[in-house]
Structures are given as C-alpha cells and as structure tokens.
C-alpha cells in the first residue's frame, strides 16, 4: 500500500522570559508592553501544543488549480472601488 503525505497543522503556547532594566515593576511592564521584541530573551519553552487540522498534502489550497485565473491579476485589474473589473 502506498502511503500518503499529510500536513499536520499545529498550534503551540510558548512561554518566554525577557530581561528588562527598569526602575520599578510598573516600568518593566510598560517597557515590555511597548515592544516586547526589543528585549533579550533569556528563557523560552513550549508549554502546550495541539493538533488543529490534518489535511492531505494534495488538498492544500496552494496545491489546487487556480479556478478563476487570479494568479495573473494585477492592481490594474481593479476599479476605483477595489472590485475586479470585467475581464471581457
């Protein structure tokens, strides 16, 4: 029997700790909320994960033929209201 290829789509919860220099806990919280990605990550772990969907590789949307020819659509193909112009 030939095996099929499946895409197993998952989501995960990641907990991480960043290092922030601040004068108070309140300031540390404000700095974290302002831009969490600007601080050095000193610890990180996946705490939970789950399977969201399992789909055959051949059934993925990006493996399907383009039924309306949208791959060749450009900005010029839209009218001023953002609707696709008649292609006739």
PDB file of N, CA and C in Angstrom:
ATOM      1  N   UNK A   1       0.831  -1.173   0.000  1.00  0.00           N
ATOM      2  CA  UNK A   1       0.000   0.000   0.000  1.00  0.00           C
ATOM      3  C   UNK A   1       0.887   1.252   0.000  1.00  0.00           C
ATOM      4  N   UNK A   2       0.565   2.206  -0.863  1.00  0.00           N
ATOM      5  CA  UNK A   2       1.319   3.447  -0.946  1.00  0.00           C
ATOM      6  C   UNK A   2       0.854   4.401   0.147  1.00  0.00           C
ATOM      7  N   UNK A   3       1.812   4.964   0.861  1.00  0.00           N
ATOM      8  CA  UNK A   3       1.473   5.918   1.912  1.00  0.00           C
ATOM      9  C   UNK A   3       1.218   7.288   1.309  1.00  0.00           C
ATOM     10  N   UNK A   4       0.324   8.040   1.942  1.00  0.00           N
ATOM     11  CA  UNK A   4       0.002   9.396   1.514  1.00  0.00           C
ATOM     12  C   UNK A   4       0.754  10.382   2.412  1.00  0.00           C
ATOM     13  N   UNK A   5       0.901  11.602   1.917  1.00  0.00           N
ATOM     14  CA  UNK A   5       1.544  12.651   2.705  1.00  0.00           C
ATOM     15  C   UNK A   5       0.454  13.545   3.292  1.00  0.00           C
ATOM     16  N   UNK A   6       0.489  13.720   4.590  1.00  0.00           N
ATOM     17  CA  UNK A   6      -0.465  14.571   5.288  1.00  0.00           C
ATOM     18  C   UNK A   6       0.268  15.767   5.880  1.00  0.00           C
ATOM     19  N   UNK A   7      -0.402  16.903   5.902  1.00  0.00           N
ATOM     20  CA  UNK A   7       0.101  18.067   6.612  1.00  0.00           C
ATOM     21  C   UNK A   7      -0.647  18.125   7.934  1.00  0.00           C
ATOM     22  N   UNK A   8       0.085  18.034   9.011  1.00  0.00           N
ATOM     23  CA  UNK A   8      -0.485  18.096  10.346  1.00  0.00           C
ATOM     24  C   UNK A   8      -0.218  19.501  10.872  1.00  0.00           C
ATOM     25  N   UNK A   9      -1.286  20.295  10.959  1.00  0.00           N
ATOM     26  CA  UNK A   9      -1.153  21.693  11.360  1.00  0.00           C
ATOM     27  C   UNK A   9      -1.375  21.806  12.864  1.00  0.00           C
ATOM     28  N   UNK A  10      -0.421  22.428  13.521  1.00  0.00           N
ATOM     29  CA  UNK A  10      -0.448  22.508  14.977  1.00  0.00           C
ATOM     30  C   UNK A  10      -0.333  23.952  15.447  1.00  0.00           C
ATOM     31  N   UNK A  11      -0.748  24.177  16.665  1.00  0.00           N
ATOM     32  CA  UNK A  11      -0.517  25.462  17.321  1.00  0.00           C
ATOM     33  C   UNK A  11       0.132  25.161  18.659  1.00  0.00           C
ATOM     34  N   UNK A  12       0.880  26.146  19.148  1.00  0.00           N
ATOM     35  CA  UNK A  12       1.556  25.925  20.409  1.00  0.00           C
ATOM     36  C   UNK A  12       1.509  27.187  21.265  1.00  0.00           C
ATOM     37  N   UNK A  13       1.626  26.965  22.552  1.00  0.00           N
ATOM     38  CA  UNK A  13       1.743  28.061  23.505  1.00  0.00           C
ATOM     39  C   UNK A  13       3.192  28.097  23.947  1.00  0.00           C
ATOM     40  N   UNK A  14       3.808  29.251  23.780  1.00  0.00           N
ATOM     41  CA  UNK A  14       5.213  29.407  24.149  1.00  0.00           C
ATOM     42  C   UNK A  14       5.298  30.413  25.288  1.00  0.00           C
ATOM     43  N   UNK A  15       6.000  30.027  26.330  1.00  0.00           N
ATOM     44  CA  UNK A  15       6.273  30.951  27.424  1.00  0.00           C
ATOM     45  C   UNK A  15       7.725  31.378  27.312  1.00  0.00           C
ATOM     46  N   UNK A  16       7.965  32.664  27.534  1.00  0.00           N
ATOM     47  CA  UNK A  16       9.342  33.146  27.467  1.00  0.00           C
ATOM     48  C   UNK A  16       9.559  34.220  28.514  1.00  0.00           C
ATOM     49  N   UNK A  17      10.818  34.405  28.859  1.00  0.00           N
ATOM     50  CA  UNK A  17      11.224  35.413  29.821  1.00  0.00           C
ATOM     51  C   UNK A  17      12.208  36.342  29.143  1.00  0.00           C
ATOM     52  N   UNK A  18      11.983  37.642  29.303  1.00  0.00           N
ATOM     53  CA  UNK A  18      12.904  38.636  28.759  1.00  0.00           C
ATOM     54  C   UNK A  18      13.564  39.384  29.911  1.00  0.00           C
ATOM     55  N   UNK A  19      14.725  39.927  29.632  1.00  0.00           N
ATOM     56  CA  UNK A  19      15.455  40.715  30.616  1.00  0.00           C
ATOM     57  C   UNK A  19      15.232  42.191  30.312  1.00  0.00           C
ATOM     58  N   UNK A  20      14.727  42.936  31.318  1.00  0.00           N
ATOM     59  CA  UNK A  20      14.433  44.356  31.137  1.00  0.00           C
ATOM     60  C   UNK A  20      15.004  45.144  32.315  1.00  0.00           C
ATOM     61  N   UNK A  21      15.793  46.149  32.010  1.00  0.00           N
ATOM     62  CA  UNK A  21      16.287  47.056  33.043  1.00  0.00           C
ATOM     63  C   UNK A  21      15.244  48.144  33.256  1.00  0.00           C
ATOM     64  N   UNK A  22      14.803  48.315  34.511  1.00  0.00           N
ATOM     65  CA  UNK A  22      13.778  49.312  34.825  1.00  0.00           C
ATOM     66  C   UNK A  22      13.914  49.729  36.280  1.00  0.00           C
ATOM     67  N   UNK A  23      13.322  50.866  36.618  1.00  0.00           N
ATOM     68  CA  UNK A  23      13.364  51.367  37.989  1.00  0.00           C
ATOM     69  C   UNK A  23      12.280  50.758  38.869  1.00  0.00           C
ATOM     70  N   UNK A  24      11.254  50.161  38.240  1.00  0.00           N
ATOM     71  CA  UNK A  24      10.171  49.571  39.019  1.00  0.00           C
ATOM     72  C   UNK A  24       9.511  48.460  38.214  1.00  0.00           C
ATOM     73  N   UNK A  25       8.713  47.666  38.906  1.00  0.00           N
ATOM     74  CA  UNK A  25       7.942  46.614  38.235  1.00  0.00           C
ATOM     75  C   UNK A  25       6.995  47.236  37.217  1.00  0.00           C
ATOM     76  N   UNK A  26       6.407  48.366  37.573  1.00  0.00           N
ATOM     77  CA  UNK A  26       5.481  49.057  36.669  1.00  0.00           C
ATOM     78  C   UNK A  26       6.196  49.497  35.391  1.00  0.00           C
ATOM     79  N   UNK A  27       7.400  50.050  35.532  1.00  0.00           N
ATOM     80  CA  UNK A  27       8.155  50.474  34.356  1.00  0.00           C
ATOM     81  C   UNK A  27       8.547  49.265  33.507  1.00  0.00           C
ATOM     82  N   UNK A  28       8.926  48.169  34.151  1.00  0.00           N
ATOM     83  CA  UNK A  28       9.271  46.952  33.417  1.00  0.00           C
ATOM     84  C   UNK A  28       8.079  46.472  32.596  1.00  0.00           C
ATOM     85  N   UNK A  29       6.892  46.524  33.195  1.00  0.00           N
ATOM     86  CA  UNK A  29       5.677  46.119  32.486  1.00  0.00           C
ATOM     87  C   UNK A  29       5.421  47.041  31.291  1.00  0.00           C
ATOM     88  N   UNK A  30       5.563  48.354  31.506  1.00  0.00           N
ATOM     89  CA  UNK A  30       5.355  49.319  30.426  1.00  0.00           C
ATOM     90  C   UNK A  30       6.337  49.098  29.277  1.00  0.00           C
ATOM     91  N   UNK A  31       7.603  48.875  29.615  1.00  0.00           N
ATOM     92  CA  UNK A  31       8.610  48.645  28.579  1.00  0.00           C
ATOM     93  C   UNK A  31       8.331  47.357  27.805  1.00  0.00           C
ATOM     94  N   UNK A  32       7.881  46.335  28.517  1.00  0.00           N
ATOM     95  CA  UNK A  32       7.547  45.070  27.853  1.00  0.00           C
ATOM     96  C   UNK A  32       6.374  45.271  26.901  1.00  0.00           C
ATOM     97  N   UNK A  33       5.338  45.967  27.369  1.00  0.00           N
ATOM     98  CA  UNK A  33       4.164  46.194  26.531  1.00  0.00           C
ATOM     99  C   UNK A  33       4.473  47.098  25.345  1.00  0.00           C
ATOM    100  N   UNK A  34       5.413  48.003  25.521  1.00  0.00           N
ATOM    101  CA  UNK A  34       5.793  48.928  24.453  1.00  0.00           C
ATOM    102  C   UNK A  34       6.419  48.198  23.269  1.00  0.00           C
ATOM    103  N   UNK A  35       7.309  47.252  23.557  1.00  0.00           N
ATOM    104  CA  UNK A  35       7.969  46.499  22.474  1.00  0.00           C
ATOM    105  C   UNK A  35       8.668  45.274  23.044  1.00  0.00           C
ATOM    106  N   UNK A  36       7.917  44.215  23.236  1.00  0.00           N
ATOM    107  CA  UNK A  36       8.462  43.004  23.859  1.00  0.00           C
ATOM    108  C   UNK A  36       9.628  42.419  23.065  1.00  0.00           C
ATOM    109  N   UNK A  37       9.612  42.604  21.745  1.00  0.00           N
ATOM    110  CA  UNK A  37      10.649  42.005  20.903  1.00  0.00           C
ATOM    111  C   UNK A  37      11.979  42.731  20.947  1.00  0.00           C
ATOM    112  N   UNK A  38      12.037  43.882  21.608  1.00  0.00           N
ATOM    113  CA  UNK A  38      13.305  44.616  21.682  1.00  0.00           C
ATOM    114  C   UNK A  38      14.154  44.171  22.870  1.00  0.00           C
ATOM    115  N   UNK A  39      13.644  43.241  23.665  1.00  0.00           N
ATOM    116  CA  UNK A  39      14.353  42.798  24.868  1.00  0.00           C
ATOM    117  C   UNK A  39      14.941  41.399  24.661  1.00  0.00           C
ATOM    118  N   UNK A  40      16.048  41.155  25.342  1.00  0.00           N
ATOM    119  CA  UNK A  40      16.740  39.866  25.225  1.00  0.00           C
ATOM    120  C   UNK A  40      15.912  38.744  25.864  1.00  0.00           C
ATOM    121  N   UNK A  41      15.698  37.682  25.109  1.00  0.00           N
ATOM    122  CA  UNK A  41      15.010  36.503  25.640  1.00  0.00           C
ATOM    123  C   UNK A  41      16.041  35.667  26.385  1.00  0.00           C
ATOM    124  N   UNK A  42      15.771  35.397  27.673  1.00  0.00           N
ATOM    125  CA  UNK A  42      16.723  34.624  28.466  1.00  0.00           C
ATOM    126  C   UNK A  42      16.234  33.206  28.757  1.00  0.00           C
ATOM    127  N   UNK A  43      14.957  32.940  28.494  1.00  0.00           N
ATOM    128  CA  UNK A  43      14.421  31.587  28.649  1.00  0.00           C
ATOM    129  C   UNK A  43      13.172  31.461  27.779  1.00  0.00           C
ATOM    130  N   UNK A  44      12.995  30.273  27.200  1.00  0.00           N
ATOM    131  CA  UNK A  44      11.835  30.037  26.333  1.00  0.00           C
ATOM    132  C   UNK A  44      11.495  28.556  26.347  1.00  0.00           C
ATOM    133  N   UNK A  45      10.197  28.262  26.384  1.00  0.00           N
ATOM    134  CA  UNK A  45       9.784  26.862  26.321  1.00  0.00           C
ATOM    135  C   UNK A  45       8.365  26.757  25.781  1.00  0.00           C
ATOM    136  N   UNK A  46       8.095  25.656  25.106  1.00  0.00           N
ATOM    137  CA  UNK A  46       6.751  25.352  24.646  1.00  0.00           C
ATOM    138  C   UNK A  46       6.041  24.655  25.797  1.00  0.00           C
ATOM    139  N   UNK A  47       4.939  25.230  26.229  1.00  0.00           N
ATOM    140  CA  UNK A  47       4.241  24.675  27.386  1.00  0.00           C
ATOM    141  C   UNK A  47       3.025  23.844  27.013  1.00  0.00           C
ATOM    142  N   UNK A  48       2.535  24.035  25.800  1.00  0.00           N
ATOM    143  CA  UNK A  48       1.351  23.293  25.372  1.00  0.00           C
ATOM    144  C   UNK A  48       1.291  23.331  23.853  1.00  0.00           C
ATOM    145  N   UNK A  49       0.762  22.299  23.263  1.00  0.00           N
ATOM    146  CA  UNK A  49       0.537  22.305  21.821  1.00  0.00           C
ATOM    147  C   UNK A  49      -0.650  21.405  21.523  1.00  0.00           C
ATOM    148  N   UNK A  50      -1.232  21.620  20.335  1.00  0.00           N
ATOM    149  CA  UNK A  50      -2.401  20.846  19.943  1.00  0.00           C
ATOM    150  C   UNK A  50      -2.424  20.699  18.430  1.00  0.00           C
ATOM    151  N   UNK A  51      -3.045  19.654  17.954  1.00  0.00           N
ATOM    152  CA  UNK A  51      -3.246  19.463  16.516  1.00  0.00           C
ATOM    153  C   UNK A  51      -4.526  20.178  16.133  1.00  0.00           C
ATOM    154  N   UNK A  52      -4.415  21.113  15.181  1.00  0.00           N
ATOM    155  CA  UNK A  52      -5.572  21.892  14.744  1.00  0.00           C
ATOM    156  C   UNK A  52      -6.264  21.296  13.530  1.00  0.00           C
ATOM    157  N   UNK A  53      -5.482  20.688  12.642  1.00  0.00           N
ATOM    158  CA  UNK A  53      -6.057  20.198  11.389  1.00  0.00           C
ATOM    159  C   UNK A  53      -5.093  19.192  10.768  1.00  0.00           C
ATOM    160  N   UNK A  54      -5.647  18.197  10.119  1.00  0.00           N
ATOM    161  CA  UNK A  54      -4.856  17.244   9.333  1.00  0.00           C
ATOM    162  C   UNK A  54      -5.474  17.211   7.945  1.00  0.00           C
ATOM    163  N   UNK A  55      -4.643  17.460   6.954  1.00  0.00           N
ATOM    164  CA  UNK A  55      -5.146  17.537   5.581  1.00  0.00           C
ATOM    165  C   UNK A  55      -4.156  16.861   4.645  1.00  0.00           C
ATOM    166  N   UNK A  56      -4.696  16.193   3.640  1.00  0.00           N
ATOM    167  CA  UNK A  56      -3.834  15.600   2.631  1.00  0.00           C
ATOM    168  C   UNK A  56      -3.058  16.700   1.919  1.00  0.00           C
ATOM    169  N   UNK A  57      -1.787  16.475   1.672  1.00  0.00           N
ATOM    170  CA  UNK A  57      -0.962  17.479   1.011  1.00  0.00           C
ATOM    171  C   UNK A  57      -1.589  17.932  -0.303  1.00  0.00           C
ATOM    172  N   UNK A  58      -2.123  17.000  -1.069  1.00  0.00           N
ATOM    173  CA  UNK A  58      -2.700  17.341  -2.376  1.00  0.00           C
ATOM    174  C   UNK A  58      -3.963  18.173  -2.264  1.00  0.00           C
ATOM    175  N   UNK A  59      -4.565  18.241  -1.073  1.00  0.00           N
ATOM    176  CA  UNK A  59      -5.784  19.027  -0.886  1.00  0.00           C
ATOM    177  C   UNK A  59      -5.515  20.429  -0.339  1.00  0.00           C
ATOM    178  N   UNK A  60      -4.262  20.742  -0.072  1.00  0.00           N
ATOM    179  CA  UNK A  60      -3.921  22.088   0.394  1.00  0.00           C
ATOM    180  C   UNK A  60      -4.334  23.104  -0.655  1.00  0.00           C
ATOM    181  N   UNK A  61      -4.792  24.259  -0.213  1.00  0.00           N
ATOM    182  CA  UNK A  61      -5.269  25.294  -1.133  1.00  0.00           C
ATOM    183  C   UNK A  61      -4.206  25.686  -2.148  1.00  0.00           C
ATOM    184  N   UNK A  62      -2.957  25.689  -1.751  1.00  0.00           N
ATOM    185  CA  UNK A  62      -1.900  26.110  -2.672  1.00  0.00           C
ATOM    186  C   UNK A  62      -1.510  25.026  -3.665  1.00  0.00           C
ATOM    187  N   UNK A  63      -2.063  23.859  -3.519  1.00  0.00           N
ATOM    188  CA  UNK A  63      -1.826  22.789  -4.492  1.00  0.00           C
ATOM    189  C   UNK A  63      -3.002  22.612  -5.446  1.00  0.00           C
ATOM    190  N   UNK A  64      -3.978  23.527  -5.377  1.00  0.00           N
ATOM    191  CA  UNK A  64      -5.164  23.445  -6.227  1.00  0.00           C
ATOM    192  C   UNK A  64      -4.974  24.316  -7.466  1.00  0.00           C
ATOM    193  N   UNK A  65      -5.590  23.934  -8.581  1.00  0.00           N
ATOM    194  CA  UNK A  65      -5.531  24.792  -9.770  1.00  0.00           C
ATOM    195  C   UNK A  65      -6.237  26.109  -9.488  1.00  0.00           C
ATOM    196  N   UNK A  66      -5.834  27.161 -10.164  1.00  0.00           N
ATOM    197  CA  UNK A  66      -6.425  28.485  -9.997  1.00  0.00           C
ATOM    198  C   UNK A  66      -7.701  28.553 -10.840  1.00  0.00           C
ATOM    199  N   UNK A  67      -8.880  28.394 -10.211  1.00  0.00           N
ATOM    200  CA  UNK A  67     -10.122  28.281 -10.979  1.00  0.00           C
ATOM    201  C   UNK A  67     -10.553  29.553 -11.709  1.00  0.00           C
ATOM    202  N   UNK A  68     -10.114  30.718 -11.243  1.00  0.00           N
ATOM    203  CA  UNK A  68     -10.559  31.957 -11.890  1.00  0.00           C
ATOM    204  C   UNK A  68      -9.410  32.767 -12.473  1.00  0.00           C
ATOM    205  N   UNK A  69      -8.229  32.216 -12.523  1.00  0.00           N
ATOM    206  CA  UNK A  69      -7.098  32.905 -13.129  1.00  0.00           C
ATOM    207  C   UNK A  69      -6.567  34.067 -12.320  1.00  0.00           C
ATOM    208  N   UNK A  70      -6.705  34.021 -10.994  1.00  0.00           N
ATOM    209  CA  UNK A  70      -6.270  35.137 -10.164  1.00  0.00           C
ATOM    210  C   UNK A  70      -4.747  35.277 -10.083  1.00  0.00           C
ATOM    211  N   UNK A  71      -4.018  34.251 -10.468  1.00  0.00           N
ATOM    212  CA  UNK A  71      -2.561  34.352 -10.412  1.00  0.00           C
ATOM    213  C   UNK A  71      -2.039  35.450 -11.327  1.00  0.00           C
ATOM    214  N   UNK A  72      -2.778  35.771 -12.378  1.00  0.00           N
ATOM    215  CA  UNK A  72      -2.311  36.780 -13.326  1.00  0.00           C
ATOM    216  C   UNK A  72      -2.962  38.148 -13.109  1.00  0.00           C
ATOM    217  N   UNK A  73      -3.700  38.328 -12.025  1.00  0.00           N
ATOM    218  CA  UNK A  73      -4.363  39.594 -11.742  1.00  0.00           C
ATOM    219  C   UNK A  73      -3.355  40.575 -11.146  1.00  0.00           C
ATOM    220  N   UNK A  74      -3.405  41.836 -11.609  1.00  0.00           N
ATOM    221  CA  UNK A  74      -2.544  42.888 -11.071  1.00  0.00           C
ATOM    222  C   UNK A  74      -3.417  44.026 -10.548  1.00  0.00           C
ATOM    223  N   UNK A  75      -2.805  45.032  -9.963  1.00  0.00           N
ATOM    224  CA  UNK A  75      -3.554  46.188  -9.453  1.00  0.00           C
ATOM    225  C   UNK A  75      -4.375  46.866 -10.543  1.00  0.00           C
ATOM    226  N   UNK A  76      -3.880  46.852 -11.767  1.00  0.00           N
ATOM    227  CA  UNK A  76      -4.586  47.490 -12.881  1.00  0.00           C
ATOM    228  C   UNK A  76      -5.909  46.799 -13.204  1.00  0.00           C
ATOM    229  N   UNK A  77      -6.110  45.593 -12.715  1.00  0.00           N
ATOM    230  CA  UNK A  77      -7.338  44.853 -12.988  1.00  0.00           C
ATOM    231  C   UNK A  77      -8.481  45.222 -12.035  1.00  0.00           C
ATOM    232  N   UNK A  78      -8.224  46.130 -11.074  1.00  0.00           N
ATOM    233  CA  UNK A  78      -9.242  46.535 -10.104  1.00  0.00           C
ATOM    234  C   UNK A  78      -9.725  47.946 -10.417  1.00  0.00           C
ATOM    235  N   UNK A  79     -11.035  48.208 -10.183  1.00  0.00           N
ATOM    236  CA  UNK A  79     -11.573  49.550 -10.383  1.00  0.00           C
ATOM    237  C   UNK A  79     -11.319  50.393  -9.132  1.00  0.00           C
ATOM    238  N   UNK A  80     -11.786  51.639  -9.133  1.00  0.00           N
ATOM    239  CA  UNK A  80     -11.515  52.554  -8.020  1.00  0.00           C
ATOM    240  C   UNK A  80     -12.188  52.143  -6.712  1.00  0.00           C
ATOM    241  N   UNK A  81     -13.190  51.261  -6.785  1.00  0.00           N
ATOM    242  CA  UNK A  81     -13.857  50.762  -5.587  1.00  0.00           C
ATOM    243  C   UNK A  81     -13.192  49.492  -5.049  1.00  0.00           C
ATOM    244  N   UNK A  82     -12.115  49.073  -5.691  1.00  0.00           N
ATOM    245  CA  UNK A  82     -11.416  47.877  -5.236  1.00  0.00           C
ATOM    246  C   UNK A  82     -12.029  46.580  -5.714  1.00  0.00           C
ATOM    247  N   UNK A  83     -12.946  46.675  -6.687  1.00  0.00           N
ATOM    248  CA  UNK A  83     -13.589  45.484  -7.243  1.00  0.00           C
ATOM    249  C   UNK A  83     -12.874  45.083  -8.527  1.00  0.00           C
ATOM    250  N   UNK A  84     -12.879  43.805  -8.801  1.00  0.00           N
ATOM    251  CA  UNK A  84     -12.265  43.285 -10.022  1.00  0.00           C
ATOM    252  C   UNK A  84     -13.050  43.759 -11.231  1.00  0.00           C
ATOM    253  N   UNK A  85     -12.351  44.349 -12.211  1.00  0.00           N
ATOM    254  CA  UNK A  85     -13.004  44.815 -13.433  1.00  0.00           C
ATOM    255  C   UNK A  85     -13.436  43.613 -14.275  1.00  0.00           C
ATOM    256  N   UNK A  86     -14.430  43.812 -15.151  1.00  0.00           N
ATOM    257  CA  UNK A  86     -14.817  42.753 -16.078  1.00  0.00           C
ATOM    258  C   UNK A  86     -13.625  42.433 -16.965  1.00  0.00           C
ATOM    259  N   UNK A  87     -13.361  41.157 -17.117  1.00  0.00           N
ATOM    260  CA  UNK A  87     -12.200  40.724 -17.900  1.00  0.00           C
ATOM    261  C   UNK A  87     -12.572  40.427 -19.346  1.00  0.00           C
ATOM    262  N   UNK A  88     -13.779  40.824 -19.760  1.00  0.00           N
ATOM    263  CA  UNK A  88     -14.260  40.537 -21.117  1.00  0.00           C
ATOM    264  C   UNK A  88     -13.536  41.311 -22.170  1.00  0.00           C
TER     265      UNK A  88
END
